[in-house]
N, C-alpha and C. Protein backbone atom coordinates (compact mmCIF):
# COMPACT_ATOMS: atom_id res chain seq x y z
N MET A 1 264.33 282.22 189.29
CA MET A 1 264.09 282.22 187.87
C MET A 1 265.32 281.64 187.16
N LYS A 2 265.06 280.77 186.21
CA LYS A 2 266.15 280.14 185.45
C LYS A 2 266.02 280.49 183.98
N SER A 3 267.16 280.49 183.33
CA SER A 3 267.13 280.65 181.88
C SER A 3 266.81 279.29 181.27
N GLN A 4 266.35 279.32 180.03
CA GLN A 4 266.07 278.06 179.35
C GLN A 4 267.34 277.24 179.21
N GLN A 5 268.47 277.90 178.98
CA GLN A 5 269.74 277.18 178.85
C GLN A 5 270.10 276.47 180.15
N GLU A 6 269.83 277.11 181.29
CA GLU A 6 270.11 276.48 182.58
C GLU A 6 269.25 275.23 182.78
N ILE A 7 268.01 275.30 182.33
CA ILE A 7 267.13 274.13 182.43
C ILE A 7 267.68 272.99 181.58
N VAL A 8 268.08 273.31 180.36
CA VAL A 8 268.64 272.29 179.47
C VAL A 8 269.87 271.66 180.12
N GLU A 9 270.74 272.48 180.68
CA GLU A 9 271.94 271.97 181.34
C GLU A 9 271.60 271.10 182.55
N ASP A 10 270.58 271.50 183.31
CA ASP A 10 270.14 270.69 184.45
C ASP A 10 269.73 269.29 184.00
N PHE A 11 269.02 269.21 182.88
CA PHE A 11 268.52 267.92 182.41
C PHE A 11 269.60 267.06 181.77
N GLU A 12 270.68 267.66 181.33
CA GLU A 12 271.76 266.89 180.70
C GLU A 12 272.46 265.94 181.67
N ILE A 13 272.36 266.19 182.96
CA ILE A 13 273.06 265.33 183.92
C ILE A 13 272.35 264.00 184.13
N PHE A 14 271.08 263.91 183.71
CA PHE A 14 270.33 262.68 183.94
C PHE A 14 270.52 261.69 182.81
N GLU A 15 270.62 260.43 183.17
CA GLU A 15 270.90 259.38 182.20
C GLU A 15 269.67 258.87 181.46
N ASP A 16 268.52 258.87 182.13
CA ASP A 16 267.32 258.33 181.50
C ASP A 16 266.10 259.15 181.91
N TRP A 17 264.97 258.79 181.28
CA TRP A 17 263.77 259.58 181.53
C TRP A 17 263.17 259.33 182.90
N MET A 18 263.42 258.22 183.51
CA MET A 18 262.91 258.01 184.87
C MET A 18 263.56 259.02 185.82
N GLU A 19 264.85 259.26 185.65
CA GLU A 19 265.54 260.26 186.47
C GLU A 19 265.01 261.66 186.18
N LYS A 20 264.74 261.93 184.92
CA LYS A 20 264.21 263.25 184.55
C LYS A 20 262.82 263.46 185.14
N TYR A 21 261.98 262.43 185.06
CA TYR A 21 260.65 262.53 185.65
C TYR A 21 260.73 262.77 187.15
N GLN A 22 261.63 262.08 187.82
CA GLN A 22 261.78 262.27 189.26
C GLN A 22 262.22 263.69 189.57
N TYR A 23 263.11 264.23 188.76
CA TYR A 23 263.56 265.61 188.94
C TYR A 23 262.39 266.58 188.75
N ILE A 24 261.57 266.34 187.74
CA ILE A 24 260.39 267.19 187.50
C ILE A 24 259.46 267.13 188.71
N ILE A 25 259.23 265.94 189.23
CA ILE A 25 258.38 265.79 190.42
C ILE A 25 258.97 266.55 191.60
N ASP A 26 260.27 266.45 191.78
CA ASP A 26 260.94 267.18 192.87
C ASP A 26 260.77 268.69 192.72
N LEU A 27 260.85 269.18 191.49
CA LEU A 27 260.63 270.61 191.26
C LEU A 27 259.23 271.02 191.68
N GLY A 28 258.26 270.18 191.40
CA GLY A 28 256.88 270.47 191.78
C GLY A 28 256.69 270.54 193.27
N ARG A 29 257.43 269.74 194.00
CA ARG A 29 257.33 269.77 195.46
C ARG A 29 257.82 271.09 196.03
N ASP A 30 258.70 271.76 195.29
CA ASP A 30 259.26 273.03 195.75
C ASP A 30 258.38 274.24 195.44
N LEU A 31 257.30 274.04 194.68
CA LEU A 31 256.39 275.15 194.39
C LEU A 31 255.76 275.65 195.68
N ASP A 32 255.67 276.98 195.81
CA ASP A 32 254.95 277.53 196.96
C ASP A 32 253.48 277.18 196.83
N LYS A 33 252.87 276.81 197.93
CA LYS A 33 251.44 276.48 197.92
C LYS A 33 250.62 277.75 197.82
N LEU A 34 249.52 277.67 197.11
CA LEU A 34 248.59 278.78 197.04
C LEU A 34 247.73 278.79 198.30
N ASP A 35 247.27 279.95 198.65
CA ASP A 35 246.29 280.07 199.73
C ASP A 35 244.98 279.47 199.23
N TYR A 36 244.20 278.92 200.13
CA TYR A 36 242.94 278.29 199.71
C TYR A 36 242.02 279.30 199.02
N THR A 37 242.15 280.59 199.35
CA THR A 37 241.31 281.61 198.71
C THR A 37 241.70 281.84 197.25
N GLU A 38 242.88 281.39 196.86
CA GLU A 38 243.33 281.54 195.48
C GLU A 38 242.91 280.36 194.60
N LYS A 39 242.46 279.29 195.22
CA LYS A 39 242.06 278.10 194.47
C LYS A 39 240.59 278.21 194.08
N THR A 40 240.33 279.15 193.18
CA THR A 40 238.97 279.42 192.74
C THR A 40 238.78 278.93 191.31
N GLU A 41 237.54 278.86 190.89
CA GLU A 41 237.24 278.49 189.50
C GLU A 41 237.87 279.49 188.53
N GLU A 42 237.86 280.75 188.92
CA GLU A 42 238.44 281.80 188.07
C GLU A 42 239.93 281.59 187.84
N ASN A 43 240.62 281.05 188.83
CA ASN A 43 242.07 280.83 188.73
C ASN A 43 242.43 279.45 188.21
N LYS A 44 241.43 278.62 187.97
CA LYS A 44 241.70 277.26 187.50
C LYS A 44 242.07 277.29 186.02
N LEU A 45 243.10 276.54 185.68
CA LEU A 45 243.56 276.45 184.30
C LEU A 45 242.64 275.53 183.51
N ARG A 46 242.13 276.02 182.42
CA ARG A 46 241.27 275.21 181.54
C ARG A 46 242.14 274.40 180.59
N GLY A 47 241.68 273.23 180.21
CA GLY A 47 242.40 272.43 179.23
C GLY A 47 243.45 271.51 179.82
N CYS A 48 243.42 271.37 181.13
CA CYS A 48 244.38 270.49 181.80
C CYS A 48 243.61 269.39 182.51
N GLN A 49 244.05 268.17 182.35
CA GLN A 49 243.37 267.03 182.96
C GLN A 49 243.44 267.10 184.49
N SER A 50 244.56 267.52 185.02
CA SER A 50 244.73 267.68 186.46
C SER A 50 244.22 269.06 186.86
N GLN A 51 244.05 269.24 188.15
CA GLN A 51 243.66 270.55 188.63
C GLN A 51 244.91 271.41 188.76
N VAL A 52 244.86 272.57 188.13
CA VAL A 52 245.95 273.54 188.21
C VAL A 52 245.31 274.91 188.43
N TRP A 53 245.84 275.61 189.40
CA TRP A 53 245.41 276.98 189.65
C TRP A 53 246.61 277.88 189.42
N ILE A 54 246.37 279.02 188.77
CA ILE A 54 247.45 279.96 188.50
C ILE A 54 246.98 281.37 188.83
N VAL A 55 247.81 282.08 189.57
CA VAL A 55 247.52 283.47 189.91
C VAL A 55 248.70 284.33 189.46
N HIS A 56 248.43 285.60 189.30
CA HIS A 56 249.47 286.50 188.80
C HIS A 56 249.24 287.90 189.32
N GLN A 57 250.32 288.65 189.32
CA GLN A 57 250.24 290.08 189.63
C GLN A 57 251.39 290.78 188.93
N LEU A 58 251.20 292.07 188.70
CA LEU A 58 252.24 292.88 188.08
C LEU A 58 252.91 293.70 189.17
N VAL A 59 254.22 293.51 189.34
CA VAL A 59 255.00 294.23 190.34
C VAL A 59 256.21 294.83 189.64
N ASN A 60 256.33 296.15 189.70
CA ASN A 60 257.45 296.84 189.04
C ASN A 60 257.57 296.46 187.56
N ASN A 61 256.42 296.40 186.90
CA ASN A 61 256.32 296.05 185.48
C ASN A 61 256.81 294.64 185.16
N LYS A 62 256.83 293.77 186.15
CA LYS A 62 257.17 292.36 185.93
C LYS A 62 256.01 291.50 186.40
N VAL A 63 255.68 290.50 185.61
CA VAL A 63 254.58 289.61 185.95
C VAL A 63 255.10 288.51 186.87
N GLN A 64 254.46 288.40 188.01
CA GLN A 64 254.82 287.34 188.94
C GLN A 64 253.69 286.31 188.94
N PHE A 65 254.06 285.07 188.69
CA PHE A 65 253.10 283.97 188.66
C PHE A 65 253.31 283.08 189.87
N LYS A 66 252.21 282.54 190.36
CA LYS A 66 252.24 281.46 191.35
C LYS A 66 251.22 280.43 190.88
N ALA A 67 251.52 279.18 191.11
CA ALA A 67 250.59 278.14 190.66
C ALA A 67 250.73 276.91 191.54
N GLU A 68 249.71 276.09 191.49
CA GLU A 68 249.73 274.83 192.23
C GLU A 68 248.92 273.80 191.45
N SER A 69 249.30 272.55 191.57
CA SER A 69 248.57 271.46 190.94
C SER A 69 248.39 270.33 191.93
N ASP A 70 247.35 269.54 191.71
CA ASP A 70 247.10 268.39 192.57
C ASP A 70 247.84 267.14 192.08
N ALA A 71 248.54 267.24 190.96
CA ALA A 71 249.27 266.10 190.40
C ALA A 71 250.77 266.39 190.43
N ALA A 72 251.55 265.45 190.92
CA ALA A 72 252.98 265.67 191.13
C ALA A 72 253.73 266.03 189.86
N ILE A 73 253.53 265.28 188.80
CA ILE A 73 254.27 265.55 187.56
C ILE A 73 253.84 266.89 186.95
N VAL A 74 252.56 267.19 187.05
CA VAL A 74 252.05 268.46 186.51
C VAL A 74 252.62 269.63 187.31
N ALA A 75 252.68 269.48 188.62
CA ALA A 75 253.27 270.54 189.45
C ALA A 75 254.71 270.80 189.02
N GLY A 76 255.43 269.76 188.70
CA GLY A 76 256.80 269.92 188.23
C GLY A 76 256.89 270.63 186.89
N LEU A 77 255.99 270.28 185.99
CA LEU A 77 255.95 270.96 184.69
C LEU A 77 255.63 272.44 184.87
N VAL A 78 254.69 272.71 185.77
CA VAL A 78 254.33 274.10 186.08
C VAL A 78 255.55 274.83 186.64
N ALA A 79 256.27 274.19 187.55
CA ALA A 79 257.46 274.81 188.14
C ALA A 79 258.49 275.15 187.06
N LEU A 80 258.70 274.23 186.12
CA LEU A 80 259.64 274.49 185.02
C LEU A 80 259.22 275.71 184.21
N VAL A 81 257.96 275.75 183.83
CA VAL A 81 257.45 276.85 183.01
C VAL A 81 257.54 278.18 183.77
N LEU A 82 257.12 278.17 185.03
CA LEU A 82 257.15 279.41 185.79
C LEU A 82 258.58 279.89 186.02
N SER A 83 259.52 278.98 186.10
CA SER A 83 260.91 279.39 186.29
C SER A 83 261.42 280.18 185.08
N VAL A 84 260.82 279.95 183.93
CA VAL A 84 261.21 280.67 182.71
C VAL A 84 260.44 281.99 182.58
N TYR A 85 259.16 281.99 182.92
CA TYR A 85 258.30 283.14 182.61
C TYR A 85 257.99 284.07 183.77
N SER A 86 258.08 283.62 184.99
CA SER A 86 257.74 284.49 186.11
C SER A 86 258.81 285.54 186.32
N ASP A 87 258.38 286.70 186.76
CA ASP A 87 259.27 287.82 187.08
C ASP A 87 259.94 288.41 185.83
N LYS A 88 259.19 288.40 184.73
CA LYS A 88 259.65 289.04 183.49
C LYS A 88 258.61 290.09 183.09
N THR A 89 259.02 291.03 182.26
CA THR A 89 258.07 292.02 181.77
C THR A 89 257.10 291.33 180.80
N PRO A 90 255.92 291.92 180.62
CA PRO A 90 255.00 291.34 179.64
C PRO A 90 255.63 291.18 178.25
N ALA A 91 256.41 292.17 177.83
CA ALA A 91 257.05 292.08 176.50
C ALA A 91 258.06 290.93 176.46
N GLU A 92 258.81 290.74 177.53
CA GLU A 92 259.78 289.63 177.57
C GLU A 92 259.06 288.29 177.51
N ILE A 93 257.94 288.19 178.21
CA ILE A 93 257.17 286.94 178.19
C ILE A 93 256.71 286.63 176.78
N LEU A 94 256.16 287.64 176.11
CA LEU A 94 255.64 287.43 174.76
C LEU A 94 256.74 287.12 173.75
N ALA A 95 257.94 287.58 174.03
CA ALA A 95 259.07 287.34 173.11
C ALA A 95 259.80 286.03 173.39
N THR A 96 259.43 285.34 174.46
CA THR A 96 260.14 284.13 174.87
C THR A 96 259.41 282.88 174.40
N GLU A 97 260.00 282.20 173.44
CA GLU A 97 259.47 280.92 172.98
C GLU A 97 259.96 279.82 173.94
N PRO A 98 259.11 278.87 174.27
CA PRO A 98 259.51 277.81 175.21
C PRO A 98 260.36 276.73 174.53
N MET A 99 261.54 277.10 174.11
CA MET A 99 262.42 276.18 173.38
C MET A 99 262.93 275.03 174.24
N PHE A 100 263.00 275.24 175.55
CA PHE A 100 263.54 274.21 176.43
C PHE A 100 262.73 272.93 176.37
N ILE A 101 261.46 273.02 176.06
CA ILE A 101 260.59 271.84 176.03
C ILE A 101 261.11 270.81 175.03
N ALA A 102 261.41 271.26 173.82
CA ALA A 102 261.95 270.36 172.81
C ALA A 102 263.40 270.01 173.10
N GLU A 103 264.16 270.98 173.60
CA GLU A 103 265.59 270.74 173.83
C GLU A 103 265.86 269.68 174.89
N ILE A 104 264.97 269.56 175.87
CA ILE A 104 265.16 268.51 176.88
C ILE A 104 264.40 267.24 176.51
N GLY A 105 263.69 267.27 175.38
CA GLY A 105 262.98 266.08 174.92
C GLY A 105 261.62 265.88 175.54
N LEU A 106 261.16 266.87 176.28
CA LEU A 106 259.88 266.75 176.97
C LEU A 106 258.72 266.54 176.01
N ASP A 107 258.80 267.16 174.85
CA ASP A 107 257.73 267.04 173.87
C ASP A 107 257.53 265.60 173.40
N LYS A 108 258.56 264.78 173.48
CA LYS A 108 258.47 263.39 173.03
C LYS A 108 257.99 262.44 174.13
N TYR A 109 258.11 262.86 175.38
CA TYR A 109 257.83 261.95 176.49
C TYR A 109 256.56 262.27 177.27
N LEU A 110 255.87 263.33 176.90
CA LEU A 110 254.61 263.64 177.57
C LEU A 110 253.45 262.97 176.86
N SER A 111 252.49 262.52 177.63
CA SER A 111 251.27 261.98 177.04
C SER A 111 250.53 263.11 176.34
N PRO A 112 249.63 262.78 175.42
CA PRO A 112 248.86 263.84 174.75
C PRO A 112 248.10 264.74 175.72
N THR A 113 247.54 264.17 176.78
CA THR A 113 246.80 265.00 177.73
C THR A 113 247.73 265.93 178.49
N ARG A 114 248.91 265.46 178.85
CA ARG A 114 249.89 266.33 179.53
C ARG A 114 250.38 267.42 178.57
N SER A 115 250.59 267.06 177.32
CA SER A 115 251.01 268.05 176.32
C SER A 115 249.95 269.13 176.14
N ASN A 116 248.69 268.72 176.11
CA ASN A 116 247.60 269.69 176.00
C ASN A 116 247.57 270.62 177.21
N GLY A 117 247.77 270.06 178.39
CA GLY A 117 247.80 270.87 179.60
C GLY A 117 248.95 271.86 179.59
N LEU A 118 250.11 271.41 179.14
CA LEU A 118 251.28 272.29 179.05
C LEU A 118 251.01 273.42 178.06
N SER A 119 250.39 273.08 176.95
CA SER A 119 250.02 274.09 175.95
C SER A 119 249.03 275.09 176.54
N SER A 120 248.07 274.61 177.32
CA SER A 120 247.10 275.51 177.97
C SER A 120 247.79 276.45 178.94
N LEU A 121 248.77 275.94 179.68
CA LEU A 121 249.51 276.78 180.62
C LEU A 121 250.28 277.87 179.87
N LEU A 122 250.95 277.50 178.81
CA LEU A 122 251.71 278.48 178.02
C LEU A 122 250.79 279.53 177.40
N THR A 123 249.63 279.10 176.93
CA THR A 123 248.65 280.04 176.36
C THR A 123 248.16 281.00 177.43
N LYS A 124 247.88 280.48 178.62
CA LYS A 124 247.42 281.32 179.73
C LYS A 124 248.47 282.37 180.07
N ILE A 125 249.72 281.99 180.15
CA ILE A 125 250.80 282.92 180.47
C ILE A 125 250.89 284.02 179.41
N GLN A 126 250.77 283.64 178.14
CA GLN A 126 250.80 284.62 177.05
C GLN A 126 249.61 285.58 177.15
N THR A 127 248.44 285.04 177.45
CA THR A 127 247.23 285.86 177.57
C THR A 127 247.36 286.85 178.72
N VAL A 128 247.87 286.39 179.84
CA VAL A 128 248.09 287.27 180.99
C VAL A 128 249.06 288.39 180.61
N ALA A 129 250.15 288.04 179.96
CA ALA A 129 251.15 289.04 179.56
C ALA A 129 250.53 290.08 178.63
N LYS A 130 249.73 289.64 177.67
CA LYS A 130 249.08 290.58 176.75
C LYS A 130 248.16 291.53 177.51
N GLY A 131 247.50 291.02 178.53
CA GLY A 131 246.60 291.84 179.33
C GLY A 131 247.31 292.93 180.12
N TYR A 132 248.57 292.74 180.39
CA TYR A 132 249.34 293.74 181.14
C TYR A 132 250.06 294.75 180.24
N LEU A 133 250.00 294.56 178.93
CA LEU A 133 250.67 295.51 178.02
C LEU A 133 249.94 296.85 178.00
């Protein structure tokens, strides 16, 4: 799990957006794969152009998320988001605004469909957290 500030600092070392995109793709490669039994319609994220599955559980009052995508860049975006929100209490999740997105400039470089998918992921995480309160 990383803080948003750590993510911002990680991105500051890159000179251009091609390097940043490659880093995001690399992050996606490091995501743990879901079991095929977890890749169900129920776990599929709605509102995302690519296929994304997200699962969660509450352990010691902390929400643990796992997710997988069939698209490299999307998997990386998922990895970034989960690094901020996974393994936090529901209240912490709800109190955490995703400021890193604007701070690293991601909001300016994502296509509208990718932005919509990212928004859907953030909404799903908030909904899950509310369900555990």
